C-alpha atoms as a PDB file:
ATOM      1  CA  MET A   1     -10.575 -24.145 -43.518  1.00  0.00           C
ATOM      2  CA  HIS A   2      -8.287 -27.110 -42.755  1.00  0.00           C
ATOM      3  CA  LYS A   3      -6.876 -27.596 -39.284  1.00  0.00           C
ATOM      4  CA  GLU A   4      -3.149 -26.922 -39.154  1.00  0.00           C
ATOM      5  CA  ILE A   5      -0.890 -29.870 -38.404  1.00  0.00           C
ATOM      6  CA  GLY A   6       2.661 -29.287 -37.182  1.00  0.00           C
ATOM      7  CA  GLY A   7       4.389 -25.967 -36.693  1.00  0.00           C
ATOM      8  CA  TYR A   8       5.546 -24.464 -33.396  1.00  0.00           C
ATOM      9  CA  PHE A   9       3.946 -25.277 -30.070  1.00  0.00           C
ATOM     10  CA  GLN A  10       1.314 -23.170 -28.339  1.00  0.00           C
ATOM     11  CA  LEU A  11       1.083 -22.499 -24.602  1.00  0.00           C
ATOM     12  CA  GLU A  12       0.288 -25.830 -22.925  1.00  0.00           C
ATOM     13  CA  LEU A  13      -3.078 -25.637 -21.155  1.00  0.00           C
ATOM     14  CA  SER A  14      -5.023 -28.657 -19.948  1.00  0.00           C
ATOM     15  CA  ASN A  15      -8.611 -27.428 -20.548  1.00  0.00           C
ATOM     16  CA  LYS A  16      -9.728 -30.055 -18.043  1.00  0.00           C
ATOM     17  CA  GLY A  17     -11.306 -27.787 -15.463  1.00  0.00           C
ATOM     18  CA  SER A  18     -14.746 -26.250 -15.229  1.00  0.00           C
ATOM     19  CA  PHE A  19     -15.316 -22.532 -14.791  1.00  0.00           C
ATOM     20  CA  MET A  20     -18.100 -21.757 -12.330  1.00  0.00           C
ATOM     21  CA  HIS A  21     -19.839 -19.309 -14.691  1.00  0.00           C
ATOM     22  CA  ASP A  22     -19.787 -21.419 -17.845  1.00  0.00           C
ATOM     23  CA  ASN A  23     -23.577 -21.078 -18.041  1.00  0.00           C
ATOM     24  CA  GLY A  24     -23.394 -17.284 -18.245  1.00  0.00           C
ATOM     25  CA  VAL A  25     -22.834 -15.238 -21.384  1.00  0.00           C
ATOM     26  CA  LEU A  26     -19.036 -15.180 -21.694  1.00  0.00           C
ATOM     27  CA  LEU A  27     -17.846 -11.849 -23.070  1.00  0.00           C
ATOM     28  CA  ASN A  28     -14.616  -9.890 -23.412  1.00  0.00           C
ATOM     29  CA  SER A  29     -14.864  -7.546 -20.374  1.00  0.00           C
ATOM     30  CA  GLY A  30     -16.947  -6.686 -17.330  1.00  0.00           C
ATOM     31  CA  ARG A  31     -18.012  -3.334 -18.780  1.00  0.00           C
ATOM     32  CA  ASN A  32     -19.168  -5.100 -21.937  1.00  0.00           C
ATOM     33  CA  ALA A  33     -21.121  -7.547 -19.801  1.00  0.00           C
ATOM     34  CA  LEU A  34     -22.970  -4.489 -18.484  1.00  0.00           C
ATOM     35  CA  GLU A  35     -23.477  -3.248 -22.031  1.00  0.00           C
ATOM     36  CA  TYR A  36     -24.890  -6.646 -23.002  1.00  0.00           C
ATOM     37  CA  ILE A  37     -27.398  -6.462 -20.137  1.00  0.00           C
ATOM     38  CA  LEU A  38     -28.443  -2.908 -21.003  1.00  0.00           C
ATOM     39  CA  ARG A  39     -28.860  -3.774 -24.687  1.00  0.00           C
ATOM     40  CA  ALA A  40     -30.994  -6.779 -23.786  1.00  0.00           C
ATOM     41  CA  LYS A  41     -33.328  -4.671 -21.639  1.00  0.00           C
ATOM     42  CA  GLY A  42     -34.075  -2.349 -24.542  1.00  0.00           C
ATOM     43  CA  ASN A  43     -36.031   0.800 -23.685  1.00  0.00           C
ATOM     44  CA  ILE A  44     -34.243   2.136 -20.595  1.00  0.00           C
ATOM     45  CA  SER A  45     -35.334   5.603 -19.535  1.00  0.00           C
ATOM     46  CA  ARG A  46     -32.670   5.954 -16.807  1.00  0.00           C
ATOM     47  CA  LEU A  47     -30.023   3.951 -14.965  1.00  0.00           C
ATOM     48  CA  TRP A  48     -29.222   4.887 -11.370  1.00  0.00           C
ATOM     49  CA  ILE A  49     -25.581   4.292 -10.447  1.00  0.00           C
ATOM     50  CA  PRO A  50     -23.654   4.890  -7.207  1.00  0.00           C
ATOM     51  CA  TYR A  51     -21.168   7.727  -6.881  1.00  0.00           C
ATOM     52  CA  TYR A  52     -18.907   5.193  -5.192  1.00  0.00           C
ATOM     53  CA  THR A  53     -18.025   2.905  -8.078  1.00  0.00           C
ATOM     54  CA  CYS A  54     -15.540   2.543 -10.912  1.00  0.00           C
ATOM     55  CA  ASP A  55     -15.852   5.043 -13.750  1.00  0.00           C
ATOM     56  CA  THR A  56     -15.772   2.195 -16.279  1.00  0.00           C
ATOM     57  CA  VAL A  57     -19.513   1.748 -15.669  1.00  0.00           C
ATOM     58  CA  LEU A  58     -20.032   4.971 -17.610  1.00  0.00           C
ATOM     59  CA  GLU A  59     -18.487   3.528 -20.766  1.00  0.00           C
ATOM     60  CA  PRO A  60     -21.489   1.432 -21.863  1.00  0.00           C
ATOM     61  CA  LEU A  61     -23.834   4.280 -20.942  1.00  0.00           C
ATOM     62  CA  VAL A  62     -21.914   6.632 -23.217  1.00  0.00           C
ATOM     63  CA  LYS A  63     -21.793   4.052 -26.012  1.00  0.00           C
ATOM     64  CA  LEU A  64     -25.547   3.487 -25.790  1.00  0.00           C
ATOM     65  CA  ASN A  65     -26.378   7.148 -25.077  1.00  0.00           C
ATOM     66  CA  LEU A  66     -28.395   6.189 -21.991  1.00  0.00           C
ATOM     67  CA  PRO A  67     -29.511   8.725 -19.350  1.00  0.00           C
ATOM     68  CA  TYR A  68     -28.160   8.084 -15.861  1.00  0.00           C
ATOM     69  CA  SER A  69     -28.300   9.596 -12.393  1.00  0.00           C
ATOM     70  CA  PHE A  70     -26.092   9.121  -9.332  1.00  0.00           C
ATOM     71  CA  TYR A  71     -27.152   8.023  -5.878  1.00  0.00           C
ATOM     72  CA  SER A  72     -25.338   8.107  -2.533  1.00  0.00           C
ATOM     73  CA  ILE A  73     -24.531   5.282  -0.146  1.00  0.00           C
ATOM     74  CA  ASP A  74     -24.134   5.241   3.622  1.00  0.00           C
ATOM     75  CA  GLU A  75     -21.351   4.266   6.027  1.00  0.00           C
ATOM     76  CA  GLN A  76     -22.059   0.566   5.497  1.00  0.00           C
ATOM     77  CA  LEU A  77     -21.945   0.763   1.684  1.00  0.00           C
ATOM     78  CA  GLU A  78     -25.729   0.592   1.347  1.00  0.00           C
ATOM     79  CA  LEU A  79     -28.202   3.001  -0.247  1.00  0.00           C
ATOM     80  CA  GLN A  80     -28.778   6.084   1.881  1.00  0.00           C
ATOM     81  CA  LYS A  81     -32.438   5.642   1.025  1.00  0.00           C
ATOM     82  CA  LEU A  82     -34.374   3.444  -1.352  1.00  0.00           C
ATOM     83  CA  ILE A  83     -35.037   5.093  -4.707  1.00  0.00           C
ATOM     84  CA  GLU A  84     -38.558   4.936  -6.121  1.00  0.00           C
ATOM     85  CA  LEU A  85     -37.934   3.729  -9.642  1.00  0.00           C
ATOM     86  CA  GLN A  86     -40.257   4.761 -12.428  1.00  0.00           C
ATOM     87  CA  HIS A  87     -41.254   2.601 -15.379  1.00  0.00           C
ATOM     88  CA  GLY A  88     -38.195   1.974 -17.549  1.00  0.00           C
ATOM     89  CA  GLU A  89     -35.755   2.912 -14.790  1.00  0.00           C
ATOM     90  CA  TYR A  90     -33.150   0.525 -13.367  1.00  0.00           C
ATOM     91  CA  ILE A  91     -30.689   0.672 -10.515  1.00  0.00           C
ATOM     92  CA  LEU A  92     -27.117  -0.655 -10.557  1.00  0.00           C
ATOM     93  CA  TYR A  93     -25.711  -1.765  -7.225  1.00  0.00           C
ATOM     94  CA  THR A  94     -22.069  -2.666  -6.664  1.00  0.00           C
ATOM     95  CA  ASN A  95     -21.427  -5.665  -4.427  1.00  0.00           C
ATOM     96  CA  TYR A  96     -18.588  -3.843  -2.702  1.00  0.00           C
ATOM     97  CA  PHE A  97     -15.427  -5.917  -2.191  1.00  0.00           C
ATOM     98  CA  GLY A  98     -17.572  -9.054  -2.364  1.00  0.00           C
ATOM     99  CA  VAL A  99     -18.955  -8.561   1.167  1.00  0.00           C
ATOM    100  CA  LYS A 100     -22.481  -7.277   0.433  1.00  0.00           C
ATOM    101  CA  ASP A 101     -24.137 -10.540  -0.669  1.00  0.00           C
ATOM    102  CA  ARG A 102     -26.827 -10.298   2.000  1.00  0.00           C
ATOM    103  CA  TYR A 103     -27.707  -6.741   1.014  1.00  0.00           C
ATOM    104  CA  VAL A 104     -27.874  -7.723  -2.662  1.00  0.00           C
ATOM    105  CA  HIS A 105     -30.562 -10.252  -1.712  1.00  0.00           C
ATOM    106  CA  TYR A 106     -32.445  -7.525   0.148  1.00  0.00           C
ATOM    107  CA  LEU A 107     -32.314  -5.212  -2.882  1.00  0.00           C
ATOM    108  CA  SER A 108     -33.487  -8.013  -5.159  1.00  0.00           C
ATOM    109  CA  GLU A 109     -36.621  -8.283  -3.016  1.00  0.00           C
ATOM    110  CA  GLN A 110     -37.166  -4.528  -3.239  1.00  0.00           C
ATOM    111  CA  TYR A 111     -36.517  -3.981  -6.952  1.00  0.00           C
ATOM    112  CA  GLY A 112     -36.911  -7.342  -8.683  1.00  0.00           C
ATOM    113  CA  SER A 113     -36.049  -7.190 -12.374  1.00  0.00           C
ATOM    114  CA  GLN A 114     -35.252  -3.458 -12.128  1.00  0.00           C
ATOM    115  CA  LEU A 115     -32.054  -4.288 -10.224  1.00  0.00           C
ATOM    116  CA  VAL A 116     -28.726  -4.839 -11.989  1.00  0.00           C
ATOM    117  CA  VAL A 117     -26.025  -6.337  -9.757  1.00  0.00           C
ATOM    118  CA  ASP A 118     -22.384  -5.477 -10.374  1.00  0.00           C
ATOM    119  CA  ASN A 119     -20.535  -8.505  -9.012  1.00  0.00           C
ATOM    120  CA  ALA A 120     -17.186  -7.483 -10.516  1.00  0.00           C
ATOM    121  CA  GLN A 121     -15.755  -7.693  -6.972  1.00  0.00           C
ATOM    122  CA  ALA A 122     -17.798 -10.763  -6.006  1.00  0.00           C
ATOM    123  CA  LEU A 123     -16.935 -13.573  -8.396  1.00  0.00           C
ATOM    124  CA  TYR A 124     -18.319 -16.282  -6.112  1.00  0.00           C
ATOM    125  CA  ALA A 125     -21.613 -14.575  -5.285  1.00  0.00           C
ATOM    126  CA  GLU A 126     -24.579 -16.550  -6.519  1.00  0.00           C
ATOM    127  CA  VAL A 127     -26.817 -15.436  -9.356  1.00  0.00           C
ATOM    128  CA  ILE A 128     -30.279 -14.596  -8.055  1.00  0.00           C
ATOM    129  CA  LYS A 129     -33.014 -15.862 -10.354  1.00  0.00           C
ATOM    130  CA  GLY A 130     -34.501 -13.071 -12.438  1.00  0.00           C
ATOM    131  CA  ILE A 131     -31.808 -10.535 -11.477  1.00  0.00           C
ATOM    132  CA  SER A 132     -29.422  -9.219 -14.139  1.00  0.00           C
ATOM    133  CA  THR A 133     -25.853  -9.738 -12.951  1.00  0.00           C
ATOM    134  CA  LEU A 134     -22.334  -9.161 -14.254  1.00  0.00           C
ATOM    135  CA  TYR A 135     -18.937 -10.544 -13.213  1.00  0.00           C
ATOM    136  CA  SER A 136     -15.320  -9.674 -13.994  1.00  0.00           C
ATOM    137  CA  PRO A 137     -13.089 -12.696 -13.240  1.00  0.00           C
ATOM    138  CA  ARG A 138      -9.798 -10.884 -13.896  1.00  0.00           C
ATOM    139  CA  LYS A 139     -10.316  -9.121 -10.554  1.00  0.00           C
ATOM    140  CA  PHE A 140      -9.729 -12.533  -8.910  1.00  0.00           C
ATOM    141  CA  VAL A 141      -7.366 -14.515 -11.153  1.00  0.00           C
ATOM    142  CA  GLY A 142      -4.600 -13.963 -13.686  1.00  0.00           C
ATOM    143  CA  ILE A 143      -6.341 -13.630 -17.032  1.00  0.00           C
ATOM    144  CA  PRO A 144      -6.026 -10.828 -19.611  1.00  0.00           C
ATOM    145  CA  ASP A 145      -9.705  -9.913 -19.985  1.00  0.00           C
ATOM    146  CA  GLY A 146     -13.206 -11.345 -19.811  1.00  0.00           C
ATOM    147  CA  GLY A 147     -16.629 -10.683 -18.352  1.00  0.00           C
ATOM    148  CA  ILE A 148     -19.799 -12.668 -17.681  1.00  0.00           C
ATOM    149  CA  ALA A 149     -23.404 -11.524 -18.028  1.00  0.00           C
ATOM    150  CA  TYR A 150     -26.584 -13.116 -16.729  1.00  0.00           C
ATOM    151  CA  GLU A 151     -29.743 -11.700 -18.258  1.00  0.00           C
ATOM    152  CA  ASP A 152     -33.191 -13.272 -18.670  1.00  0.00           C
ATOM    153  CA  LEU A 153     -33.716 -11.441 -21.986  1.00  0.00           C
ATOM    154  CA  PRO A 154     -30.623 -12.564 -23.942  1.00  0.00           C
ATOM    155  CA  LEU A 155     -29.608 -10.987 -27.213  1.00  0.00           C
ATOM    156  CA  GLU A 156     -28.909 -12.980 -30.323  1.00  0.00           C
ATOM    157  CA  ARG A 157     -25.495 -14.482 -29.655  1.00  0.00           C
ATOM    158  CA  GLN A 158     -24.390 -14.805 -33.277  1.00  0.00           C
ATOM    159  CA  VAL A 159     -23.959 -11.039 -33.680  1.00  0.00           C
ATOM    160  CA  TYR A 160     -20.766 -11.089 -31.605  1.00  0.00           C
ATOM    161  CA  GLU A 161     -17.347 -11.900 -32.958  1.00  0.00           C
ATOM    162  CA  LEU A 162     -14.885 -14.034 -30.999  1.00  0.00           C
ATOM    163  CA  ASP A 163     -12.324 -11.865 -29.220  1.00  0.00           C
ATOM    164  CA  LYS A 164      -8.556 -12.472 -29.300  1.00  0.00           C
ATOM    165  CA  SER A 165      -6.440 -12.048 -26.161  1.00  0.00           C
ATOM    166  CA  TYR A 166      -2.867 -13.059 -27.008  1.00  0.00           C
ATOM    167  CA  CYS A 167      -1.819  -9.396 -27.321  1.00  0.00           C
ATOM    168  CA  ARG A 168      -3.004  -8.641 -23.763  1.00  0.00           C
ATOM    169  CA  CYS A 169      -0.911 -11.185 -21.877  1.00  0.00           C
ATOM    170  CA  GLY A 170       2.418  -9.343 -21.580  1.00  0.00           C
ATOM    171  CA  HIS A 171       1.880  -8.249 -17.981  1.00  0.00           C
ATOM    172  CA  LEU A 172       0.784 -11.742 -16.919  1.00  0.00           C
ATOM    173  CA  LEU A 173       3.866 -13.407 -18.395  1.00  0.00           C
ATOM    174  CA  ARG A 174       6.212 -10.702 -17.146  1.00  0.00           C
ATOM    175  CA  ARG A 175       4.981 -11.171 -13.563  1.00  0.00           C
ATOM    176  CA  TYR A 176       6.557 -14.637 -13.569  1.00  0.00           C
ATOM    177  CA  ASP A 177      10.040 -13.309 -14.230  1.00  0.00           C
ATOM    178  CA  GLU A 178       9.954  -9.811 -12.744  1.00  0.00           C
ATOM    179  CA  PRO A 179       8.357  -7.950  -9.808  1.00  0.00           C
ATOM    180  CA  ALA A 180       4.902  -6.440 -10.171  1.00  0.00           C
ATOM    181  CA  SER A 181       6.378  -2.946 -10.032  1.00  0.00           C
ATOM    182  CA  ASP A 182       8.424  -3.653 -13.168  1.00  0.00           C
ATOM    183  CA  GLY A 183       5.411  -4.914 -15.095  1.00  0.00           C
ATOM    184  CA  TYR A 184       2.909  -2.330 -13.887  1.00  0.00           C
ATOM    185  CA  ILE A 185       3.292  -0.259 -17.048  1.00  0.00           C
ATOM    186  CA  ASP A 186       2.330  -3.356 -19.059  1.00  0.00           C
ATOM    187  CA  PHE A 187      -0.662  -3.905 -16.787  1.00  0.00           C
ATOM    188  CA  ARG A 188      -1.833  -0.333 -17.367  1.00  0.00           C
ATOM    189  CA  ALA A 189      -1.321  -0.694 -21.106  1.00  0.00           C
ATOM    190  CA  ASN A 190      -3.436  -3.847 -21.110  1.00  0.00           C
ATOM    191  CA  SER A 191      -6.209  -2.081 -19.218  1.00  0.00           C
ATOM    192  CA  GLY A 192      -6.064   0.695 -21.808  1.00  0.00           C
ATOM    193  CA  GLN A 193      -6.666  -1.835 -24.574  1.00  0.00           C
ATOM    194  CA  LEU A 194     -10.032  -2.700 -23.029  1.00  0.00           C
ATOM    195  CA  VAL A 195     -11.377   0.860 -23.291  1.00  0.00           C
ATOM    196  CA  MET A 196     -14.311   1.275 -25.721  1.00  0.00           C
ATOM    197  CA  GLN A 197     -13.924  -2.214 -27.120  1.00  0.00           C
ATOM    198  CA  PRO A 198     -16.942  -3.593 -28.989  1.00  0.00           C
ATOM    199  CA  VAL A 199     -18.841  -6.391 -27.262  1.00  0.00           C
ATOM    200  CA  ARG A 200     -17.300  -9.679 -28.312  1.00  0.00           C
ATOM    201  CA  GLU A 201     -17.416 -13.240 -27.068  1.00  0.00           C
ATOM    202  CA  MET A 202     -14.706 -14.266 -24.640  1.00  0.00           C
ATOM    203  CA  SER A 203     -11.545 -15.392 -26.405  1.00  0.00           C
ATOM    204  CA  LEU A 204     -10.510 -19.040 -26.614  1.00  0.00           C
ATOM    205  CA  LEU A 205      -7.326 -18.195 -24.708  1.00  0.00           C
ATOM    206  CA  THR A 206      -9.163 -16.594 -21.779  1.00  0.00           C
ATOM    207  CA  ARG A 207     -11.573 -19.543 -21.610  1.00  0.00           C
ATOM    208  CA  ALA A 208      -8.653 -21.970 -21.591  1.00  0.00           C
ATOM    209  CA  LEU A 209      -6.886 -20.049 -18.831  1.00  0.00           C
ATOM    210  CA  LEU A 210     -10.055 -20.033 -16.717  1.00  0.00           C
ATOM    211  CA  SER A 211     -10.487 -23.789 -17.189  1.00  0.00           C
ATOM    212  CA  ASN A 212      -7.014 -24.369 -15.693  1.00  0.00           C
ATOM    213  CA  ILE A 213      -7.763 -22.664 -12.387  1.00  0.00           C
ATOM    214  CA  ASP A 214      -8.789 -24.538  -9.232  1.00  0.00           C
ATOM    215  CA  PHE A 215     -11.536 -22.162  -8.113  1.00  0.00           C
ATOM    216  CA  ILE A 216     -12.300 -24.226  -5.007  1.00  0.00           C
ATOM    217  CA  GLN A 217      -8.721 -23.801  -3.793  1.00  0.00           C
ATOM    218  CA  VAL A 218      -8.810 -20.098  -4.700  1.00  0.00           C
ATOM    219  CA  ARG A 219     -11.900 -19.562  -2.564  1.00  0.00           C
ATOM    220  CA  GLU A 220     -10.556 -21.563   0.388  1.00  0.00           C
ATOM    221  CA  ARG A 221      -7.306 -19.591   0.469  1.00  0.00           C
ATOM    222  CA  ARG A 222      -9.077 -16.243   0.207  1.00  0.00           C
ATOM    223  CA  LEU A 223     -11.498 -17.067   3.003  1.00  0.00           C
ATOM    224  CA  LYS A 224      -8.659 -18.286   5.227  1.00  0.00           C
ATOM    225  CA  ASN A 225      -6.665 -15.101   4.674  1.00  0.00           C
ATOM    226  CA  PHE A 226      -9.768 -12.967   5.198  1.00  0.00           C
ATOM    227  CA  ALA A 227     -10.478 -14.731   8.502  1.00  0.00           C
ATOM    228  CA  TYR A 228      -6.872 -14.179   9.632  1.00  0.00           C
ATOM    229  CA  LEU A 229      -7.030 -10.429   9.037  1.00  0.00           C
ATOM    230  CA  HIS A 230     -10.542 -10.123  10.452  1.00  0.00           C
ATOM    231  CA  LYS A 231      -9.488 -11.833  13.665  1.00  0.00           C
ATOM    232  CA  HIS A 232      -6.935  -9.075  14.247  1.00  0.00           C
ATOM    233  CA  LEU A 233      -8.621  -6.091  12.608  1.00  0.00           C
ATOM    234  CA  GLY A 234     -12.339  -6.758  12.958  1.00  0.00           C
ATOM    235  CA  THR A 235     -12.842  -4.871  16.210  1.00  0.00           C
ATOM    236  CA  SER A 236     -11.174  -1.719  14.855  1.00  0.00           C
ATOM    237  CA  ASN A 237     -12.708  -1.909  11.375  1.00  0.00           C
ATOM    238  CA  LEU A 238     -15.237   0.892  10.857  1.00  0.00           C
ATOM    239  CA  LEU A 239     -17.082  -1.298   8.355  1.00  0.00           C
ATOM    240  CA  ASP A 240     -19.563  -3.947   9.472  1.00  0.00           C
ATOM    241  CA  LEU A 241     -18.660  -6.783   7.112  1.00  0.00           C
ATOM    242  CA  ASN A 242     -21.927  -8.698   7.496  1.00  0.00           C
ATOM    243  CA  ILE A 243     -20.437 -12.180   7.560  1.00  0.00           C
ATOM    244  CA  PRO A 244     -21.302 -14.659   5.990  1.00  0.00           C
ATOM    245  CA  PHE A 245     -20.670 -14.112   2.296  1.00  0.00           C
ATOM    246  CA  PHE A 246     -19.438 -16.304  -0.533  1.00  0.00           C
ATOM    247  CA  CYS A 247     -15.913 -14.987  -1.097  1.00  0.00           C
ATOM    248  CA  PRO A 248     -14.473 -11.462  -0.868  1.00  0.00           C
ATOM    249  CA  MET A 249     -12.073  -9.898  -3.349  1.00  0.00           C
ATOM    250  CA  VAL A 250     -10.061  -8.170  -0.584  1.00  0.00           C
ATOM    251  CA  TYR A 251     -10.270  -7.428   3.119  1.00  0.00           C
ATOM    252  CA  PRO A 252     -11.771  -3.918   3.199  1.00  0.00           C
ATOM    253  CA  TYR A 253     -10.308  -2.302   6.293  1.00  0.00           C
ATOM    254  CA  ARG A 254     -11.712   1.139   7.003  1.00  0.00           C
ATOM    255  CA  MET A 255      -9.778   3.241   9.441  1.00  0.00           C
ATOM    256  CA  ARG A 256      -9.279   6.905  10.110  1.00  0.00           C
ATOM    257  CA  GLU A 257      -6.251   8.279   8.293  1.00  0.00           C
ATOM    258  CA  GLY A 258      -6.377   5.295   5.965  1.00  0.00           C
ATOM    259  CA  ALA A 259      -4.609   7.288   3.246  1.00  0.00           C
ATOM    260  CA  ASP A 260      -1.488   7.595   5.452  1.00  0.00           C
ATOM    261  CA  ILE A 261      -1.403   3.852   6.172  1.00  0.00           C
ATOM    262  CA  ARG A 262      -1.862   3.164   2.454  1.00  0.00           C
ATOM    263  CA  LYS A 263       1.378   5.052   1.785  1.00  0.00           C
ATOM    264  CA  LYS A 264       3.172   3.001   4.446  1.00  0.00           C
ATOM    265  CA  LEU A 265       1.926  -0.257   2.936  1.00  0.00           C
ATOM    266  CA  ILE A 266       2.914   0.700  -0.602  1.00  0.00           C
ATOM    267  CA  ALA A 267       6.356   1.815   0.607  1.00  0.00           C
ATOM    268  CA  ASP A 268       6.763  -1.697   2.034  1.00  0.00           C
ATOM    269  CA  LYS A 269       5.749  -3.188  -1.354  1.00  0.00           C
ATOM    270  CA  ILE A 270       2.259  -4.145  -0.193  1.00  0.00           C
ATOM    271  CA  TYR A 271       0.176  -2.771  -3.030  1.00  0.00           C
ATOM    272  CA  VAL A 272      -3.152  -1.394  -1.823  1.00  0.00           C
ATOM    273  CA  ALA A 273      -5.329   0.296  -4.423  1.00  0.00           C
ATOM    274  CA  THR A 274      -7.658   3.269  -4.042  1.00  0.00           C
ATOM    275  CA  TYR A 275     -11.255   2.390  -4.906  1.00  0.00           C
ATOM    276  CA  TRP A 276     -11.975   4.607  -6.779  1.00  0.00           C
ATOM    277  CA  PRO A 277      -9.985   7.789  -7.649  1.00  0.00           C
ATOM    278  CA  ASN A 278     -12.746   9.028  -9.974  1.00  0.00           C
ATOM    279  CA  VAL A 279     -14.882   9.603  -6.869  1.00  0.00           C
ATOM    280  CA  PHE A 280     -12.781  12.675  -6.061  1.00  0.00           C
ATOM    281  CA  GLN A 281     -13.920  14.243  -9.345  1.00  0.00           C
ATOM    282  CA  TRP A 282     -17.541  13.145  -9.055  1.00  0.00           C
ATOM    283  CA  CYS A 283     -18.174  14.253  -5.468  1.00  0.00           C
ATOM    284  CA  ALA A 284     -17.638  17.252  -3.226  1.00  0.00           C
ATOM    285  CA  SER A 285     -14.484  16.980  -1.125  1.00  0.00           C
ATOM    286  CA  ASP A 286     -16.493  16.529   2.085  1.00  0.00           C
ATOM    287  CA  ALA A 287     -18.743  13.785   0.648  1.00  0.00           C
ATOM    288  CA  LEU A 288     -18.843  10.382   2.340  1.00  0.00           C
ATOM    289  CA  GLU A 289     -17.728   8.734  -0.904  1.00  0.00           C
ATOM    290  CA  CYS A 290     -14.450  10.691  -0.794  1.00  0.00           C
ATOM    291  CA  ARG A 291     -13.856   9.618   2.784  1.00  0.00           C
ATOM    292  CA  LEU A 292     -14.510   6.005   1.827  1.00  0.00           C
ATOM    293  CA  ALA A 293     -12.066   6.214  -1.075  1.00  0.00           C
ATOM    294  CA  ASP A 294      -9.442   7.646   1.276  1.00  0.00           C
ATOM    295  CA  ASP A 295     -10.064   5.517   4.342  1.00  0.00           C
ATOM    296  CA  ILE A 296     -10.816   2.017   3.029  1.00  0.00           C
ATOM    297  CA  LEU A 297      -7.712  -0.099   2.606  1.00  0.00           C
ATOM    298  CA  PRO A 298      -8.480  -3.071   0.311  1.00  0.00           C
ATOM    299  CA  LEU A 299      -5.928  -5.451   1.796  1.00  0.00           C
ATOM    300  CA  PRO A 300      -4.778  -8.320  -0.467  1.00  0.00           C
ATOM    301  CA  ILE A 301      -6.036 -11.761   0.615  1.00  0.00           C
ATOM    302  CA  ASP A 302      -5.787 -13.644  -2.651  1.00  0.00           C
ATOM    303  CA  GLN A 303      -4.651 -17.185  -3.379  1.00  0.00           C
ATOM    304  CA  ARG A 304      -0.964 -16.259  -3.797  1.00  0.00           C
ATOM    305  CA  TYR A 305      -0.572 -15.566  -0.078  1.00  0.00           C
ATOM    306  CA  GLY A 306      -0.701 -17.260   3.291  1.00  0.00           C
ATOM    307  CA  SER A 307      -0.634 -16.457   7.002  1.00  0.00           C
ATOM    308  CA  CYS A 308       2.959 -15.167   6.956  1.00  0.00           C
ATOM    309  CA  ASP A 309       1.975 -12.593   4.337  1.00  0.00           C
ATOM    310  CA  MET A 310      -1.083 -11.587   6.352  1.00  0.00           C
ATOM    311  CA  GLU A 311       1.126 -11.141   9.415  1.00  0.00           C
ATOM    312  CA  ARG A 312       3.421  -8.850   7.457  1.00  0.00           C
ATOM    313  CA  ILE A 313       0.443  -6.698   6.454  1.00  0.00           C
ATOM    314  CA  LEU A 314      -0.644  -6.479  10.100  1.00  0.00           C
ATOM    315  CA  ASN A 315       2.836  -5.490  11.220  1.00  0.00           C
ATOM    316  CA  VAL A 316       2.915  -2.535   8.816  1.00  0.00           C
ATOM    317  CA  ILE A 317      -0.538  -1.378   9.882  1.00  0.00           C
ATOM    318  CA  ASN A 318       0.168  -1.645  13.612  1.00  0.00           C
ATOM    319  CA  ASN A 319       3.678  -0.210  13.708  1.00  0.00           C
END
């Protein structure tokens, strides 16, 4: 097929940068990165997953018809007790908010190749040799889709088609011209397009967008904002954040009556999500996981903001 010459212009992207996970398997979503890992492992008798995690982790399990069981975590987002895995069993651990890097290393020593690390909220966390790991960069930067898998038993790459992402960019473009609240319906529609998608290779558009991002600057700004909030909230935070870590997704501030403060923040146009609403269906109402979902405020610290924005967040919380 001949290359086209002429015609209308495309979006101008430099493609001069380097994405930190270029050596991973670049796929079309985080959940499909998990599916890739599970397919590569082959004969899985059971996957253990936390109650406190996003319900999208169930999608690849349903697609592959894999047995799974839930486990509980404790107040510090760690396993209540170590699970004795049988042959063919694996355990998925979520690196919560990108602040559990140290604990991930501990689990890797306990479980070795039977551990699967969900780094969807920890884009900058390092890959531990021999440990299956997945990432979801759209949790950190403005891209329409994409996921990365690291797996020592890779599948044949040629079986996957190249994805296309142009139809998933409406919410990203709209955010330039209109407030987030106006484009939220587009954001939700885009997320809906990712449901039950076949595993495909990451699109050329998503790769190009990633190559235009200064990930060093992104990390520096996030860490600076995190440090600002932690200086003022650390002593009252019910979570022990186990500093150091590579780079958090948010500042997870756990406080009593967190749900009430969340409403105050949202009313002031500071959008604080609930991680994760599915927990209220999975767990009894008095379960720790429900309290965590209610009480933890994932405060925005990303690269769009500075100290004045952090001060505004503090003012809403404290007044």
